[in-house]
């Protein structure tokens, strides 16, 4: 049985950064549990992040995680007759390198990495999650990992949060209308992308009903192109799915013309709803997509994941200083005012 001060579930952006911050603070025994191998952690996203999020970080990322620098975004009307330009500096990330870097920094700071370990659910004792979590190990056996605090950063599936008692505010489930269903491909084309320093967002109810489709350059001839559909009744009634719409409207369009080479494909669910009523419970916090911190306007989640990890780590440190891990005692300040 593993005994720790803090258990973090999920080695994505939020989980790895929270683990780094907590381990770096010193004095805490931190376990970071990830279901994939640590060299295979990869989040399918638009890959873009504002520079203000990078500048806020407590650690400077290496230059090789940045594929391109952005100067802003271009937003297009459905018939392309109107274009709004929104200025704002940012980066296009290499998400594989980004993930490996964050995990390695957490490990270097002193966090214990348990990759290829699958969390099955929380251990609740006396109304607290401080029992820890049950874990399926690579050899097929199960083990209880114990801690005073558990942070769920396992993504939209929220493997811990979703298994908490329904009467707890933090356990509020996601409904179909709370999410967008997305699909994207990273492709290389044999022409120079126009104005690669600007990400492109297109509002088109045929291609992406209830959402938008995007073209995010990653270099002069590599792009992240995809779309997100609203997960509510519109998609259900029309039988739509993002891969079908991508293949129908974008796969062989003018934007992917000529020498199209597929580098990576992937899809996922993006929580685009109001924030949860609370991000905490007794002995428990949620961060990143598991906490529904994605910006509901544009669906960006990397920056909010970093911010939620920062606030979660501060809150956990305050709880240890007070020796109070209850929802109102230990967590009554920082995280409830996110």
Protein backbone atom coordinates (compact mmCIF):
# COMPACT_ATOMS: atom_id res chain seq x y z
CA UNK A 1 0.00 0.00 0.00
CA UNK A 2 1.41 3.38 -1.03
CA UNK A 3 1.19 6.18 1.51
CA UNK A 4 1.51 9.78 0.35
CA UNK A 5 0.53 13.29 1.33
CA UNK A 6 -1.05 14.11 -2.02
CA UNK A 7 -2.20 11.92 -4.89
CA UNK A 8 -2.65 13.53 -8.31
CA UNK A 9 -4.61 11.52 -10.87
CA UNK A 10 -3.71 12.18 -14.50
CA UNK A 11 -0.42 13.41 -15.98
CA UNK A 12 -1.83 15.90 -18.44
CA UNK A 13 -1.14 19.62 -18.21
CA UNK A 14 -3.08 20.21 -14.98
CA UNK A 15 -1.92 17.07 -13.17
CA UNK A 16 1.74 17.31 -14.07
CA UNK A 17 1.95 21.02 -13.29
CA UNK A 18 0.16 20.62 -9.96
CA UNK A 19 2.50 17.74 -9.08
CA UNK A 20 5.51 19.88 -9.96
CA UNK A 21 4.33 22.82 -7.85
CA UNK A 22 3.51 20.66 -4.83
CA UNK A 23 6.73 18.66 -4.99
CA UNK A 24 8.79 21.81 -5.59
CA UNK A 25 7.30 23.45 -2.49
CA UNK A 26 9.04 20.79 -0.41
CA UNK A 27 7.92 18.73 2.52
CA UNK A 28 5.12 16.85 0.72
CA UNK A 29 5.20 13.30 -0.61
CA UNK A 30 3.44 13.52 -3.97
CA UNK A 31 2.27 10.66 -6.21
CA UNK A 32 1.32 11.32 -9.83
CA UNK A 33 -0.70 8.42 -11.26
CA UNK A 34 -1.15 8.08 -15.02
CA UNK A 35 -2.94 5.31 -16.93
CA UNK A 36 -0.65 5.62 -19.98
CA UNK A 37 3.10 5.23 -20.20
CA UNK A 38 4.72 8.55 -19.37
CA UNK A 39 6.24 8.74 -22.86
CA UNK A 40 2.79 8.27 -24.47
CA UNK A 41 0.83 11.00 -22.70
CA UNK A 42 -0.72 13.14 -25.42
CA UNK A 43 -3.74 15.43 -25.32
CA UNK A 44 -5.66 15.98 -28.56
CA UNK A 45 -6.33 19.72 -28.62
CA UNK A 46 -6.01 22.77 -30.83
CA UNK A 47 -2.51 23.10 -29.31
CA UNK A 48 -2.71 26.90 -28.92
CA UNK A 49 -2.03 28.84 -25.72
CA UNK A 50 -1.83 32.55 -24.89
CA UNK A 51 1.57 33.92 -23.96
CA UNK A 52 0.20 35.28 -20.67
CA UNK A 53 -0.32 31.72 -19.45
CA UNK A 54 3.28 30.82 -20.26
CA UNK A 55 4.61 33.95 -18.56
CA UNK A 56 2.62 33.13 -15.41
CA UNK A 57 4.18 29.69 -15.04
CA UNK A 58 6.61 29.07 -12.19
CA UNK A 59 8.98 27.32 -14.59
CA UNK A 60 10.17 28.29 -18.05
CA UNK A 61 9.34 25.79 -20.82
CA UNK A 62 12.15 24.77 -23.19
CA UNK A 63 12.05 26.32 -26.64
CA UNK A 64 11.42 23.03 -28.42
CA UNK A 65 7.87 22.75 -27.08
CA UNK A 66 6.91 25.84 -29.11
CA UNK A 67 6.30 25.15 -32.80
CA UNK A 68 5.13 28.63 -33.80
CA UNK A 69 4.40 32.05 -32.34
CA UNK A 70 1.00 33.62 -32.92
CA UNK A 71 0.10 37.28 -33.21
CA UNK A 72 -3.64 36.85 -32.97
CA UNK A 73 -6.75 35.21 -34.37
CA UNK A 74 -8.87 35.75 -37.47
CA UNK A 75 -12.59 35.02 -37.07
CA UNK A 76 -14.65 34.46 -40.23
CA UNK A 77 -18.39 34.68 -40.83
CA UNK A 78 -20.12 31.69 -42.49
CA UNK A 79 -19.93 33.18 -46.01
CA UNK A 80 -16.37 34.45 -45.35
CA UNK A 81 -17.48 38.00 -46.22
CA UNK A 82 -16.68 39.34 -42.74
CA UNK A 83 -13.44 38.87 -40.87
CA UNK A 84 -12.63 40.07 -37.38
CA UNK A 85 -8.99 40.24 -36.32
CA UNK A 86 -8.30 39.81 -32.61
CA UNK A 87 -4.73 40.60 -31.63
CA UNK A 88 -3.06 38.60 -28.92
CA UNK A 89 0.28 36.83 -28.67
CA UNK A 90 0.52 33.11 -28.12
CA UNK A 91 2.13 29.85 -29.17
CA UNK A 92 1.33 26.65 -30.97
CA UNK A 93 2.62 23.77 -28.83
CA UNK A 94 4.11 20.41 -29.68
CA UNK A 95 1.78 18.60 -27.29
CA UNK A 96 3.87 15.42 -27.06
CA UNK A 97 7.00 17.34 -26.06
CA UNK A 98 4.95 19.59 -23.76
CA UNK A 99 3.55 16.58 -21.90
CA UNK A 100 6.90 14.82 -21.57
CA UNK A 101 8.54 18.03 -20.34
CA UNK A 102 5.93 18.68 -17.64
CA UNK A 103 6.06 15.08 -16.40
CA UNK A 104 9.86 15.13 -16.27
CA UNK A 105 9.83 18.40 -14.33
CA UNK A 106 7.37 16.97 -11.81
CA UNK A 107 9.58 13.92 -11.39
CA UNK A 108 12.72 16.04 -11.10
CA UNK A 109 11.02 18.12 -8.39
CA UNK A 110 10.45 14.97 -6.37
CA UNK A 111 7.02 13.66 -7.39
CA UNK A 112 6.72 9.88 -7.65
CA UNK A 113 5.46 8.91 -11.11
CA UNK A 114 3.27 5.81 -11.42
CA UNK A 115 2.59 5.44 -15.12
CA UNK A 116 0.63 2.53 -16.61
CA UNK A 117 -1.45 2.60 -13.42
CA UNK A 118 -5.22 2.99 -13.77
CA UNK A 119 -7.22 4.64 -11.01
CA UNK A 120 -10.49 2.79 -10.45
CA UNK A 121 -12.11 5.13 -7.98
CA UNK A 122 -11.85 6.98 -4.67
CA UNK A 123 -11.64 5.53 -1.17
CA UNK A 124 -14.12 7.44 0.99
CA UNK A 125 -13.85 7.16 4.75
CA UNK A 126 -15.89 9.18 7.25
CA UNK A 127 -17.12 11.50 4.50
CA UNK A 128 -13.58 12.25 3.28
CA UNK A 129 -11.70 11.27 0.14
CA UNK A 130 -8.61 11.22 2.32
CA UNK A 131 -8.64 7.44 2.10
CA UNK A 132 -7.01 7.83 -1.30
CA UNK A 133 -7.73 5.83 -4.45
CA UNK A 134 -7.90 2.24 -5.67
CA UNK A 135 -5.41 1.55 -8.44
CA UNK A 136 -5.09 -1.19 -11.07
CA UNK A 137 -1.37 -1.89 -11.49
CA UNK A 138 0.41 -2.98 -14.69
CA UNK A 139 0.60 -6.59 -13.45
CA UNK A 140 -3.19 -6.75 -13.10
CA UNK A 141 -3.26 -6.54 -9.32
CA UNK A 142 -4.99 -3.78 -7.38
CA UNK A 143 -3.57 -1.60 -4.63
CA UNK A 144 -4.80 1.15 -2.38
CA UNK A 145 -2.85 4.39 -2.62
CA UNK A 146 -3.45 6.45 0.53
CA UNK A 147 -3.15 10.21 0.94
CA UNK A 148 -4.55 13.16 2.86
CA UNK A 149 -5.58 14.88 -0.39
CA UNK A 150 -6.56 13.62 -3.85
CA UNK A 151 -6.48 15.89 -6.92
CA UNK A 152 -8.46 14.65 -9.92
CA UNK A 153 -6.79 15.89 -13.11
CA UNK A 154 -7.81 12.91 -15.22
CA UNK A 155 -9.50 14.91 -17.96
CA UNK A 156 -13.14 15.13 -18.99
CA UNK A 157 -13.78 11.57 -17.79
CA UNK A 158 -13.02 12.69 -14.22
CA UNK A 159 -12.42 9.15 -12.97
CA UNK A 160 -12.44 10.23 -9.31
CA UNK A 161 -14.87 13.16 -9.33
CA UNK A 162 -17.51 11.25 -11.29
CA UNK A 163 -17.51 8.50 -8.67
CA UNK A 164 -18.06 10.72 -5.67
CA UNK A 165 -21.45 10.77 -3.90
CA UNK A 166 -24.08 12.56 -5.97
CA UNK A 167 -25.04 14.82 -3.07
CA UNK A 168 -21.57 16.38 -3.16
CA UNK A 169 -21.60 19.54 -5.26
CA UNK A 170 -18.31 18.72 -6.94
CA UNK A 171 -19.72 15.50 -8.43
CA UNK A 172 -22.22 17.22 -10.73
CA UNK A 173 -22.27 15.13 -13.95
CA UNK A 174 -21.72 16.43 -17.45
CA UNK A 175 -24.74 16.23 -19.73
CA UNK A 176 -24.59 15.93 -23.54
CA UNK A 177 -25.42 19.60 -23.90
CA UNK A 178 -22.51 20.46 -21.58
CA UNK A 179 -19.85 19.41 -24.08
CA UNK A 180 -18.58 19.77 -27.61
CA UNK A 181 -17.42 16.77 -29.62
CA UNK A 182 -14.24 17.53 -31.53
CA UNK A 183 -12.06 15.94 -34.18
CA UNK A 184 -8.88 17.26 -35.71
CA UNK A 185 -5.95 16.25 -37.89
CA UNK A 186 -2.42 17.57 -37.96
CA UNK A 187 -1.41 17.58 -41.59
CA UNK A 188 1.41 18.75 -43.80
CA UNK A 189 0.61 20.45 -47.11
CA UNK A 190 2.84 21.29 -50.04
CA UNK A 191 2.08 25.00 -50.05
CA UNK A 192 2.81 27.91 -47.72
CA UNK A 193 -0.06 28.63 -45.35
CA UNK A 194 -1.28 32.22 -45.63
CA UNK A 195 -0.42 34.33 -42.57
CA UNK A 196 0.72 31.44 -40.34
CA UNK A 197 1.10 33.86 -37.43
CA UNK A 198 -2.70 33.98 -37.08
CA UNK A 199 -4.99 31.16 -36.01
CA UNK A 200 -8.19 30.95 -38.05
CA UNK A 201 -11.66 30.32 -36.63
CA UNK A 202 -14.66 29.78 -38.92
CA UNK A 203 -18.30 29.99 -37.86
CA UNK A 204 -20.33 27.73 -40.13
CA UNK A 205 -23.53 25.99 -39.04
CA UNK A 206 -23.21 23.38 -41.79
CA UNK A 207 -19.65 22.32 -41.06
CA UNK A 208 -19.73 22.76 -37.29
CA UNK A 209 -23.30 23.20 -35.96
CA UNK A 210 -23.26 24.69 -32.50
CA UNK A 211 -19.50 25.21 -32.61
CA UNK A 212 -16.82 26.23 -35.09
CA UNK A 213 -14.08 24.80 -37.23
CA UNK A 214 -10.49 25.94 -37.05
CA UNK A 215 -7.18 26.07 -38.87
CA UNK A 216 -4.23 26.60 -36.56
CA UNK A 217 -0.89 26.80 -38.40
CA UNK A 218 1.96 24.98 -36.66
CA UNK A 219 4.61 25.98 -39.22
CA UNK A 220 4.60 27.41 -42.72
CA UNK A 221 3.19 24.14 -44.12
CA UNK A 222 1.86 22.17 -41.11
CA UNK A 223 -1.57 22.83 -39.66
CA UNK A 224 -3.93 21.65 -36.96
CA UNK A 225 -7.33 21.62 -38.67
CA UNK A 226 -10.52 20.40 -37.06
CA UNK A 227 -13.98 21.16 -35.77
CA UNK A 228 -16.19 20.95 -32.72
CA UNK A 229 -19.92 20.16 -32.68
CA UNK A 230 -22.32 20.94 -29.87
CA UNK A 231 -23.08 17.75 -27.97
CA UNK A 232 -26.74 18.52 -27.30
CA UNK A 233 -29.93 17.75 -29.13
CA UNK A 234 -28.76 19.27 -32.41
CA UNK A 235 -26.09 16.64 -32.90
CA UNK A 236 -28.34 13.86 -31.58
CA UNK A 237 -31.25 14.69 -33.87
CA UNK A 238 -29.14 15.05 -37.01
CA UNK A 239 -26.95 12.07 -36.25
CA UNK A 240 -23.82 14.15 -36.68
CA UNK A 241 -20.35 13.37 -35.46
CA UNK A 242 -17.20 15.46 -35.88
CA UNK A 243 -15.25 12.86 -37.90
CA UNK A 244 -18.09 12.58 -40.42
CA UNK A 245 -18.26 16.35 -40.85
CA UNK A 246 -14.50 16.62 -41.12
CA UNK A 247 -14.36 14.02 -43.88
CA UNK A 248 -17.30 15.62 -45.67
CA UNK A 249 -16.29 19.27 -45.52
CA UNK A 250 -12.60 19.65 -44.68
CA UNK A 251 -10.59 16.55 -45.60
CA UNK A 252 -10.46 17.38 -49.30
CA UNK A 253 -11.21 21.08 -49.24
CA UNK A 254 -9.28 24.06 -50.56
CA UNK A 255 -7.62 24.32 -47.14
CA UNK A 256 -6.07 20.85 -47.36
CA UNK A 257 -5.29 20.86 -51.05
CA UNK A 258 -2.18 19.40 -52.53
CA UNK A 259 0.21 16.85 -51.08
CA UNK A 260 -1.80 16.34 -47.91
CA UNK A 261 0.22 14.23 -45.49
CA UNK A 262 -1.46 13.19 -42.26
CA UNK A 263 0.83 13.46 -39.23
CA UNK A 264 -1.64 12.77 -36.42
CA UNK A 265 -5.39 12.29 -36.02
CA UNK A 266 -7.50 12.42 -32.91
CA UNK A 267 -10.72 13.52 -31.30
CA UNK A 268 -12.18 14.15 -27.91
CA UNK A 269 -14.84 15.68 -25.73
CA UNK A 270 -14.49 19.28 -24.58
CA UNK A 271 -16.50 20.47 -21.54
CA UNK A 272 -17.90 23.85 -22.60
CA UNK A 273 -20.37 24.74 -19.87
CA UNK A 274 -20.56 26.93 -16.81
CA UNK A 275 -18.06 26.09 -14.05
CA UNK A 276 -18.91 23.46 -11.46
CA UNK A 277 -20.66 24.72 -8.32
CA UNK A 278 -17.52 23.79 -6.41
CA UNK A 279 -14.11 22.37 -7.31
CA UNK A 280 -13.51 20.84 -3.88
CA UNK A 281 -14.84 18.32 -1.38
CA UNK A 282 -13.52 16.85 1.85
CA UNK A 283 -10.00 15.70 1.04
CA UNK A 284 -10.50 16.32 -2.67
CA UNK A 285 -9.92 18.87 -5.43
CA UNK A 286 -10.45 18.81 -9.19
CA UNK A 287 -8.30 20.56 -11.80
CA UNK A 288 -8.20 21.00 -15.57
CA UNK A 289 -10.85 19.33 -17.72
CA UNK A 290 -11.88 17.17 -14.76
CA UNK A 291 -12.92 20.43 -13.07
CA UNK A 292 -14.59 21.80 -16.23
CA UNK A 293 -12.21 24.76 -16.36
CA UNK A 294 -12.20 24.98 -20.16
CA UNK A 295 -13.08 28.42 -21.50
CA UNK A 296 -16.73 27.96 -22.60
CA UNK A 297 -16.48 30.61 -25.33
CA UNK A 298 -13.63 29.25 -27.45
CA UNK A 299 -12.97 25.84 -25.88
CA UNK A 300 -9.36 26.58 -24.91
CA UNK A 301 -8.25 24.35 -22.04
CA UNK A 302 -4.44 24.39 -21.74
CA UNK A 303 -4.20 27.80 -20.08
CA UNK A 304 -7.10 27.17 -17.68
CA UNK A 305 -5.53 23.82 -16.81
CA UNK A 306 -2.33 25.58 -15.75
CA UNK A 307 -4.27 28.15 -13.73
CA UNK A 308 -6.43 25.57 -12.00
CA UNK A 309 -3.32 23.53 -11.16
CA UNK A 310 -1.69 26.61 -9.65
CA UNK A 311 -4.75 27.41 -7.53
CA UNK A 312 -5.18 23.78 -6.50
CA UNK A 313 -1.56 23.51 -5.36
CA UNK A 314 -1.82 26.74 -3.35
CA UNK A 315 -5.00 25.51 -1.73
CA UNK A 316 -3.45 22.14 -0.83
CA UNK A 317 -0.42 23.84 0.71
CA UNK A 318 -2.71 26.07 2.78
CA UNK A 319 -4.67 23.02 3.92
CA UNK A 320 -1.49 21.31 5.12
CA UNK A 321 -0.42 24.45 6.94
CA UNK A 322 -3.77 24.52 8.76
CA UNK A 323 -4.00 20.76 9.17
CA UNK A 324 -7.58 20.97 7.94
CA UNK A 325 -8.60 19.09 4.78
CA UNK A 326 -12.32 19.61 4.95
CA UNK A 327 -14.23 21.39 2.21
CA UNK A 328 -14.89 24.51 4.27
CA UNK A 329 -11.90 24.46 6.58
CA UNK A 330 -8.92 23.72 4.42
CA UNK A 331 -10.34 24.76 1.07
CA UNK A 332 -12.57 27.67 1.96
CA UNK A 333 -10.44 30.35 0.32
CA UNK A 334 -8.45 30.17 -2.89
CA UNK A 335 -10.11 27.41 -4.88
CA UNK A 336 -13.73 28.29 -4.14
CA UNK A 337 -13.19 31.75 -5.62
CA UNK A 338 -11.70 30.59 -8.93
